[in-house]
C-alpha atoms as a PDB file:
ATOM      1  CA  MET A   1      -0.013   0.026  -0.009  1.00  0.00           C
ATOM      2  CA  THR A   2       2.772   2.384   0.675  1.00  0.00           C
ATOM      3  CA  SER A   3       4.492   1.875  -2.668  1.00  0.00           C
ATOM      4  CA  ILE A   4       1.219   2.861  -4.550  1.00  0.00           C
ATOM      5  CA  ALA A   5       1.179   6.121  -2.477  1.00  0.00           C
ATOM      6  CA  ILE A   6       4.806   6.762  -3.074  1.00  0.00           C
ATOM      7  CA  ALA A   7       4.428   6.042  -6.962  1.00  0.00           C
ATOM      8  CA  SER A   8       1.377   8.509  -7.182  1.00  0.00           C
ATOM      9  CA  VAL A   9       3.722  11.281  -5.720  1.00  0.00           C
ATOM     10  CA  LEU A  10       6.593  10.645  -8.014  1.00  0.00           C
ATOM     11  CA  ALA A  11       4.661  10.464 -11.127  1.00  0.00           C
ATOM     12  CA  PHE A  12       1.818  12.625 -12.255  1.00  0.00           C
ATOM     13  CA  ASN A  13       0.322  14.677 -15.006  1.00  0.00           C
ATOM     14  CA  LEU A  14       0.132  18.433 -14.603  1.00  0.00           C
ATOM     15  CA  ILE A  15      -2.724  20.093 -16.879  1.00  0.00           C
ATOM     16  CA  CYS A  16      -1.560  23.737 -17.350  1.00  0.00           C
ATOM     17  CA  SER A  17      -3.449  26.624 -18.739  1.00  0.00           C
ATOM     18  CA  GLY A  18      -2.761  30.254 -19.003  1.00  0.00           C
ATOM     19  CA  GLN A  19      -1.558  32.854 -21.403  1.00  0.00           C
ATOM     20  CA  MET A  20       1.006  32.577 -24.072  1.00  0.00           C
ATOM     21  CA  VAL A  21       2.683  35.625 -25.398  1.00  0.00           C
ATOM     22  CA  THR A  22       4.879  35.487 -28.675  1.00  0.00           C
ATOM     23  CA  GLY A  23       6.501  38.204 -30.545  1.00  0.00           C
ATOM     24  CA  ASN A  24       9.230  39.446 -32.809  1.00  0.00           C
ATOM     25  CA  LYS A  25       9.688  42.809 -34.753  1.00  0.00           C
ATOM     26  CA  TYR A  26       8.291  41.361 -37.988  1.00  0.00           C
ATOM     27  CA  ALA A  27       5.130  39.516 -36.772  1.00  0.00           C
ATOM     28  CA  GLY A  28       4.434  41.706 -33.899  1.00  0.00           C
ATOM     29  CA  VAL A  29       3.117  40.447 -30.514  1.00  0.00           C
ATOM     30  CA  LYS A  30       0.340  37.821 -30.192  1.00  0.00           C
ATOM     31  CA  ASN A  31      -1.313  36.925 -26.786  1.00  0.00           C
ATOM     32  CA  VAL A  32      -3.420  33.594 -26.892  1.00  0.00           C
ATOM     33  CA  PRO A  33      -4.627  31.157 -24.289  1.00  0.00           C
ATOM     34  CA  TYR A  34      -3.004  27.806 -23.963  1.00  0.00           C
ATOM     35  CA  THR A  35      -3.533  24.449 -22.317  1.00  0.00           C
ATOM     36  CA  THR A  36      -0.916  21.826 -22.168  1.00  0.00           C
ATOM     37  CA  THR A  37      -0.550  18.496 -20.310  1.00  0.00           C
ATOM     38  CA  TYR A  38       2.853  17.569 -19.085  1.00  0.00           C
ATOM     39  CA  ARG A  39       3.642  13.970 -17.853  1.00  0.00           C
ATOM     40  CA  ILE A  40       6.251  14.166 -15.037  1.00  0.00           C
ATOM     41  CA  ASP A  41       8.020  11.163 -13.570  1.00  0.00           C
ATOM     42  CA  LEU A  42      10.225  12.140 -10.719  1.00  0.00           C
ATOM     43  CA  ASP A  43      11.629   8.806 -10.061  1.00  0.00           C
ATOM     44  CA  SER A  44      12.906   8.518 -13.544  1.00  0.00           C
ATOM     45  CA  ARG A  45      13.473  12.136 -13.942  1.00  0.00           C
ATOM     46  CA  LYS A  46      11.727  12.310 -17.271  1.00  0.00           C
ATOM     47  CA  TRP A  47       8.918  14.447 -18.642  1.00  0.00           C
ATOM     48  CA  CYS A  48       6.945  14.998 -21.660  1.00  0.00           C
ATOM     49  CA  ASP A  49       4.032  17.090 -23.153  1.00  0.00           C
ATOM     50  CA  GLY A  50       1.300  17.009 -25.596  1.00  0.00           C
ATOM     51  CA  LYS A  51       1.162  13.485 -27.459  1.00  0.00           C
ATOM     52  CA  CYS A  52       4.406  12.796 -25.575  1.00  0.00           C
ATOM     53  CA  ASN A  53       6.185  11.502 -28.703  1.00  0.00           C
ATOM     54  CA  LYS A  54       9.618  12.017 -26.970  1.00  0.00           C
ATOM     55  CA  GLN A  55      10.560  12.221 -23.265  1.00  0.00           C
ATOM     56  CA  TRP A  56      13.263  14.495 -22.110  1.00  0.00           C
ATOM     57  CA  ASP A  57      15.388  14.802 -18.783  1.00  0.00           C
ATOM     58  CA  ILE A  58      14.118  16.949 -15.997  1.00  0.00           C
ATOM     59  CA  HIS A  59      16.759  19.533 -15.272  1.00  0.00           C
ATOM     60  CA  ASP A  60      16.335  19.818 -11.459  1.00  0.00           C
ATOM     61  CA  VAL A  61      13.946  19.155  -8.729  1.00  0.00           C
ATOM     62  CA  SER A  62      13.531  20.739  -5.384  1.00  0.00           C
ATOM     63  CA  ASN A  63      10.702  21.057  -2.659  1.00  0.00           C
ATOM     64  CA  ARG A  64       9.846  24.290  -4.153  1.00  0.00           C
ATOM     65  CA  GLU A  65      10.069  23.852  -7.814  1.00  0.00           C
ATOM     66  CA  ILE A  66      10.404  21.531 -10.890  1.00  0.00           C
ATOM     67  CA  ILE A  67      12.558  22.712 -13.604  1.00  0.00           C
ATOM     68  CA  ILE A  68      12.146  20.801 -16.669  1.00  0.00           C
ATOM     69  CA  THR A  69      14.389  22.900 -18.961  1.00  0.00           C
ATOM     70  CA  ASP A  70      16.984  25.302 -18.473  1.00  0.00           C
ATOM     71  CA  LYS A  71      19.484  25.585 -21.146  1.00  0.00           C
ATOM     72  CA  TYR A  72      21.448  27.801 -23.555  1.00  0.00           C
ATOM     73  CA  GLU A  73      22.305  26.696 -27.143  1.00  0.00           C
ATOM     74  CA  VAL A  74      24.368  28.269 -29.754  1.00  0.00           C
ATOM     75  CA  GLU A  75      24.208  27.120 -33.368  1.00  0.00           C
ATOM     76  CA  ARG A  76      27.081  27.280 -35.815  1.00  0.00           C
ATOM     77  CA  ASN A  77      25.403  30.131 -37.779  1.00  0.00           C
ATOM     78  CA  GLY A  78      25.357  32.450 -34.801  1.00  0.00           C
ATOM     79  CA  ASN A  79      21.734  31.721 -33.787  1.00  0.00           C
ATOM     80  CA  ASP A  80      21.045  31.357 -30.046  1.00  0.00           C
ATOM     81  CA  GLN A  81      18.265  30.293 -27.727  1.00  0.00           C
ATOM     82  CA  LYS A  82      17.765  30.443 -24.059  1.00  0.00           C
ATOM     83  CA  THR A  83      14.922  28.242 -22.509  1.00  0.00           C
ATOM     84  CA  LEU A  84      13.570  28.131 -19.077  1.00  0.00           C
ATOM     85  CA  GLU A  85      10.410  26.165 -18.218  1.00  0.00           C
ATOM     86  CA  LYS A  86       9.430  25.421 -14.651  1.00  0.00           C
ATOM     87  CA  PHE A  87       6.547  24.573 -12.083  1.00  0.00           C
ATOM     88  CA  ASP A  88       6.158  26.093  -8.696  1.00  0.00           C
ATOM     89  CA  ARG A  89       5.172  23.001  -6.471  1.00  0.00           C
ATOM     90  CA  ILE A  90       3.581  25.445  -3.891  1.00  0.00           C
ATOM     91  CA  THR A  91       1.590  27.788  -5.804  1.00  0.00           C
ATOM     92  CA  GLY A  92       1.001  25.510  -8.953  1.00  0.00           C
ATOM     93  CA  LEU A  93       2.370  28.274 -11.395  1.00  0.00           C
ATOM     94  CA  HIS A  94       3.782  27.191 -14.654  1.00  0.00           C
ATOM     95  CA  ARG A  95       6.288  29.460 -16.501  1.00  0.00           C
ATOM     96  CA  LEU A  96       8.052  29.203 -19.735  1.00  0.00           C
ATOM     97  CA  GLU A  97      10.518  31.922 -21.138  1.00  0.00           C
ATOM     98  CA  VAL A  98      12.118  31.410 -24.641  1.00  0.00           C
ATOM     99  CA  GLU A  99      14.569  34.201 -26.028  1.00  0.00           C
ATOM    100  CA  ALA A 100      15.999  33.495 -29.487  1.00  0.00           C
ATOM    101  CA  HIS A 101      18.088  35.551 -31.731  1.00  0.00           C
ATOM    102  CA  ASP A 102      17.951  34.401 -35.357  1.00  0.00           C
ATOM    103  CA  ARG A 103      19.959  36.363 -37.911  1.00  0.00           C
ATOM    104  CA  THR A 104      17.172  36.131 -40.357  1.00  0.00           C
ATOM    105  CA  ILE A 105      14.037  37.247 -38.380  1.00  0.00           C
ATOM    106  CA  GLY A 106      15.794  39.011 -35.362  1.00  0.00           C
ATOM    107  CA  GLU A 107      14.751  38.449 -31.722  1.00  0.00           C
ATOM    108  CA  LEU A 108      12.027  36.108 -30.908  1.00  0.00           C
ATOM    109  CA  THR A 109      10.329  35.743 -27.595  1.00  0.00           C
ATOM    110  CA  ILE A 110       7.796  33.095 -26.046  1.00  0.00           C
ATOM    111  CA  LYS A 111       6.399  33.518 -22.740  1.00  0.00           C
ATOM    112  CA  LYS A 112       3.827  31.402 -21.092  1.00  0.00           C
ATOM    113  CA  SER A 113       2.385  31.966 -17.688  1.00  0.00           C
ATOM    114  CA  GLY A 114      -0.382  29.952 -16.151  1.00  0.00           C
ATOM    115  CA  SER A 115      -1.446  27.504 -13.430  1.00  0.00           C
ATOM    116  CA  CYS A 116      -1.417  23.793 -13.135  1.00  0.00           C
ATOM    117  CA  LYS A 117      -3.688  21.170 -11.578  1.00  0.00           C
ATOM    118  CA  LYS A 118      -2.233  17.587 -10.789  1.00  0.00           C
ATOM    119  CA  ALA A 119      -3.830  14.616 -12.315  1.00  0.00           C
ATOM    120  CA  ASP A 120      -3.261  10.930 -12.459  1.00  0.00           C
ATOM    121  CA  PHE A 121      -0.079   9.923 -14.320  1.00  0.00           C
ATOM    122  CA  THR A 122      -1.033   8.335 -17.926  1.00  0.00           C
ATOM    123  CA  GLY A 123       2.404   6.971 -18.395  1.00  0.00           C
ATOM    124  CA  PHE A 124       4.921   7.329 -21.245  1.00  0.00           C
ATOM    125  CA  PRO A 125       3.763   5.745 -24.726  1.00  0.00           C
ATOM    126  CA  SER A 126       5.929   2.915 -25.958  1.00  0.00           C
ATOM    127  CA  PRO A 127       8.107   4.194 -28.872  1.00  0.00           C
ATOM    128  CA  GLU A 128       6.869   3.018 -32.368  1.00  0.00           C
ATOM    129  CA  GLN A 129       9.223   0.369 -33.707  1.00  0.00           C
ATOM    130  CA  LYS A 130      10.041   0.272 -37.237  1.00  0.00           C
ATOM    131  CA  PHE A 131      11.325  -3.314 -37.295  1.00  0.00           C
END
Protein backbone atom coordinates (compact mmCIF):
# COMPACT_ATOMS: atom_id res chain seq x y z
CA MET A 1 0.00 0.00 0.00
CA THR A 2 2.83 2.37 0.75
CA SER A 3 4.45 1.82 -2.66
CA ILE A 4 1.25 2.90 -4.41
CA ALA A 5 1.18 6.15 -2.46
CA ILE A 6 4.84 6.81 -3.23
CA ALA A 7 4.36 6.07 -6.93
CA SER A 8 1.48 8.54 -7.16
CA VAL A 9 3.65 11.26 -5.63
CA LEU A 10 6.60 10.62 -7.95
CA ALA A 11 4.69 10.32 -11.24
CA PHE A 12 1.80 12.57 -12.23
CA ASN A 13 0.33 14.67 -14.99
CA LEU A 14 0.10 18.44 -14.78
CA ILE A 15 -2.68 20.10 -16.74
CA CYS A 16 -1.59 23.70 -17.22
CA SER A 17 -3.42 26.62 -18.76
CA GLY A 18 -2.85 30.33 -19.01
CA GLN A 19 -1.63 32.91 -21.51
CA MET A 20 1.12 32.63 -24.11
CA VAL A 21 2.74 35.74 -25.53
CA THR A 22 4.90 35.46 -28.65
CA GLY A 23 6.53 38.18 -30.63
CA ASN A 24 9.22 39.53 -32.89
CA LYS A 25 9.68 42.77 -34.80
CA TYR A 26 8.19 41.36 -38.01
CA ALA A 27 5.12 39.52 -36.73
CA GLY A 28 4.35 41.77 -33.78
CA VAL A 29 3.08 40.45 -30.47
CA LYS A 30 0.39 37.78 -30.10
CA ASN A 31 -1.30 36.90 -26.83
CA VAL A 32 -3.29 33.64 -26.86
CA PRO A 33 -4.58 31.18 -24.27
CA TYR A 34 -2.86 27.82 -23.94
CA THR A 35 -3.58 24.47 -22.31
CA THR A 36 -0.90 21.79 -22.18
CA THR A 37 -0.68 18.46 -20.38
CA TYR A 38 2.73 17.53 -19.03
CA ARG A 39 3.65 14.03 -17.88
CA ILE A 40 6.17 14.17 -15.05
CA ASP A 41 8.00 11.17 -13.57
CA LEU A 42 10.26 12.34 -10.76
CA ASP A 43 11.54 8.82 -10.08
CA SER A 44 13.00 8.42 -13.59
CA ARG A 45 13.55 12.22 -13.90
CA LYS A 46 11.74 12.26 -17.27
CA TRP A 47 8.99 14.46 -18.68
CA CYS A 48 7.03 15.00 -21.87
CA ASP A 49 4.13 17.11 -23.08
CA GLY A 50 1.28 16.97 -25.55
CA LYS A 51 1.23 13.66 -27.44
CA CYS A 52 4.41 12.71 -25.59
CA ASN A 53 6.26 11.57 -28.71
CA LYS A 54 9.59 12.07 -26.95
CA GLN A 55 10.66 12.14 -23.32
CA TRP A 56 13.28 14.53 -21.97
CA ASP A 57 15.37 14.64 -18.81
CA ILE A 58 14.15 16.86 -15.99
CA HIS A 59 16.76 19.55 -15.32
CA ASP A 60 16.28 19.96 -11.55
CA VAL A 61 13.82 19.14 -8.75
CA SER A 62 13.50 20.70 -5.30
CA ASN A 63 10.78 20.91 -2.69
CA ARG A 64 9.86 24.32 -4.12
CA GLU A 65 9.98 23.79 -7.91
CA ILE A 66 10.44 21.43 -10.82
CA ILE A 67 12.64 22.86 -13.57
CA ILE A 68 12.11 20.77 -16.68
CA THR A 69 14.29 22.88 -18.98
CA ASP A 70 17.08 25.37 -18.32
CA LYS A 71 19.41 25.59 -21.28
CA TYR A 72 21.30 27.93 -23.56
CA GLU A 73 22.18 26.77 -27.08
CA VAL A 74 24.28 28.41 -29.78
CA GLU A 75 24.19 27.14 -33.36
CA ARG A 76 27.09 27.28 -35.82
CA ASN A 77 25.42 30.08 -37.78
CA GLY A 78 25.35 32.34 -34.70
CA ASN A 79 21.69 31.84 -33.80
CA ASP A 80 21.12 31.24 -30.11
CA GLN A 81 18.27 30.30 -27.80
CA LYS A 82 17.75 30.42 -24.05
CA THR A 83 14.90 28.36 -22.56
CA LEU A 84 13.64 28.14 -18.99
CA GLU A 85 10.49 26.17 -18.10
CA LYS A 86 9.42 25.39 -14.57
CA PHE A 87 6.56 24.64 -12.19
CA ASP A 88 6.17 26.07 -8.69
CA ARG A 89 5.24 23.12 -6.45
CA ILE A 90 3.69 25.38 -3.79
CA THR A 91 1.54 27.73 -5.89
CA GLY A 92 0.98 25.54 -8.98
CA LEU A 93 2.28 28.27 -11.30
CA HIS A 94 3.81 27.32 -14.65
CA ARG A 95 6.30 29.52 -16.45
CA LEU A 96 8.07 29.22 -19.80
CA GLU A 97 10.48 31.81 -21.18
CA VAL A 98 12.21 31.43 -24.54
CA GLU A 99 14.50 34.08 -25.98
CA ALA A 100 15.91 33.36 -29.42
CA HIS A 101 18.17 35.45 -31.60
CA ASP A 102 17.94 34.51 -35.26
CA ARG A 103 20.06 36.22 -37.89
CA THR A 104 17.13 36.13 -40.34
CA ILE A 105 14.11 37.17 -38.27
CA GLY A 106 15.80 38.92 -35.36
CA GLU A 107 14.79 38.42 -31.75
CA LEU A 108 11.89 36.11 -30.93
CA THR A 109 10.33 35.73 -27.50
CA ILE A 110 7.84 33.21 -26.19
CA LYS A 111 6.43 33.47 -22.68
CA LYS A 112 3.85 31.27 -21.03
CA SER A 113 2.38 32.00 -17.65
CA GLY A 114 -0.36 29.87 -16.15
CA SER A 115 -1.47 27.55 -13.42
CA CYS A 116 -1.42 23.76 -13.19
CA LYS A 117 -3.56 21.10 -11.63
CA LYS A 118 -2.21 17.69 -10.72
CA ALA A 119 -3.85 14.65 -12.36
CA ASP A 120 -3.26 10.91 -12.49
CA PHE A 121 -0.15 9.86 -14.38
CA THR A 122 -1.04 8.46 -17.80
CA GLY A 123 2.44 7.03 -18.42
CA PHE A 124 4.85 7.36 -21.28
CA PRO A 125 3.83 5.73 -24.55
CA SER A 126 5.98 2.94 -25.92
CA PRO A 127 8.03 4.10 -28.90
CA GLU A 128 6.78 2.94 -32.27
CA GLN A 129 9.15 0.33 -33.66
CA LYS A 130 9.98 0.27 -37.36
CA PHE A 131 11.24 -3.34 -37.27
